[in-house]
Protein backbone atom coordinates (compact mmCIF):
# COMPACT_ATOMS: atom_id res chain seq x y z
CA MET A 1 1.13 8.26 28.06
CA ARG A 2 1.02 5.44 25.54
CA HIS A 3 -0.03 2.11 26.86
CA SER A 4 2.18 -0.71 25.67
CA ILE A 5 2.11 -4.46 25.92
CA THR A 6 4.81 -7.07 25.80
CA THR A 7 4.82 -9.67 23.07
CA SER A 8 7.31 -12.21 21.82
CA VAL A 9 8.47 -13.18 18.36
CA ARG A 10 10.63 -15.96 17.00
CA LEU A 11 13.70 -14.85 15.09
CA SER A 12 16.21 -16.92 13.21
CA SER A 13 19.67 -16.75 14.73
CA GLU A 14 20.85 -14.79 11.66
CA LEU A 15 18.10 -12.19 12.05
CA ARG A 16 18.74 -11.97 15.79
CA ASP A 17 22.43 -11.34 15.11
CA GLN A 18 21.57 -8.64 12.57
CA LEU A 19 19.21 -7.02 15.07
CA GLU A 20 21.87 -7.03 17.78
CA THR A 21 24.44 -5.57 15.39
CA ALA A 22 22.03 -2.84 14.31
CA ALA A 23 21.16 -2.01 17.91
CA HIS A 24 24.84 -1.71 18.78
CA THR A 25 25.65 0.36 15.67
CA LEU A 26 22.69 2.73 16.11
CA HIS A 27 23.04 2.94 19.90
CA ARG A 28 19.37 1.98 20.16
CA GLY A 29 17.57 -0.79 21.90
CA LYS A 30 16.40 -3.87 20.02
CA ASN A 31 12.84 -2.98 21.01
CA TRP A 32 13.17 0.49 19.41
CA ILE A 33 14.41 -1.05 16.15
CA ILE A 34 11.64 -3.65 16.07
CA VAL A 35 8.90 -1.11 16.82
CA HIS A 36 10.31 1.38 14.31
CA ALA A 37 10.60 -1.30 11.60
CA LEU A 38 7.07 -2.52 12.26
CA GLU A 39 5.66 1.02 12.13
CA MET A 40 7.44 1.66 8.83
CA TYR A 41 6.26 -1.65 7.37
CA LEU A 42 2.64 -1.05 8.36
CA ALA A 43 2.71 2.50 7.00
CA GLN A 44 4.09 1.19 3.70
CA LEU A 45 1.45 -1.54 3.64
CA HIS A 46 -1.28 1.04 4.24
CA PHE A 47 0.19 3.25 1.47
CA HIS A 48 0.16 0.27 -0.89
CA GLU A 49 -3.49 -0.46 -0.03
CA LEU A 50 -4.35 3.19 -0.71
CA ALA A 51 -2.51 3.06 -4.04
CA VAL A 52 -4.36 -0.11 -5.06
CA GLU A 53 -7.70 1.49 -4.16
CA ALA A 54 -6.82 4.69 -6.04
CA ARG A 55 -5.94 2.65 -9.11
CA ARG A 56 -9.18 0.68 -8.84
CA GLN A 57 -11.22 3.87 -8.63
CA SER A 58 -9.28 5.42 -11.50
CA LEU A 59 -9.99 2.42 -13.71
CA LEU A 60 -13.66 2.53 -12.78
CA ALA A 61 -13.84 6.26 -13.54
CA ALA A 62 -12.05 5.74 -16.87
CA LYS A 63 -14.47 2.98 -17.79
CA GLU A 64 -17.44 5.16 -16.84
CA ASP A 65 -16.08 8.09 -18.87
CA ASN A 66 -15.46 5.78 -21.83
CA GLU A 67 -19.04 4.49 -21.64
CA LYS A 68 -20.36 8.07 -21.55
CA ASP A 69 -18.14 8.99 -24.53
CA MET A 70 -19.39 5.99 -26.48
CA GLN A 71 -23.01 6.88 -25.72
CA LEU A 72 -22.38 10.50 -26.76
CA TRP A 73 -20.78 9.30 -29.98
CA GLU A 74 -23.64 6.91 -30.70
CA ASP A 75 -26.25 9.60 -30.01
CA ASN A 76 -24.60 12.19 -32.26
CA THR A 77 -23.24 10.13 -35.15
CA ASP A 78 -25.07 9.73 -38.41
CA THR A 79 -24.80 6.04 -39.18
CA THR A 80 -27.37 5.97 -41.99
CA GLY A 81 -26.12 3.80 -44.81
CA TRP A 82 -23.89 1.73 -42.54
CA GLU A 83 -24.33 -1.99 -42.78
């Protein structure tokens, strides 16, 4: 059994009306809609954080590979006569 707590939020009258309309249309409670929306938002936020971290690591790996490639090039290139 999931333990739940009660909390309160302030909604504009427009958002409250939209919530009530959605609840009526979907035949769901306002609580269900709010919880579902919050779960979806947090999952999307977590996905975004993962994507940002993946990009950061990809850029770091690309930079590291580029530095290794440059070192390999420098070690194996005949630059005699270059000024």
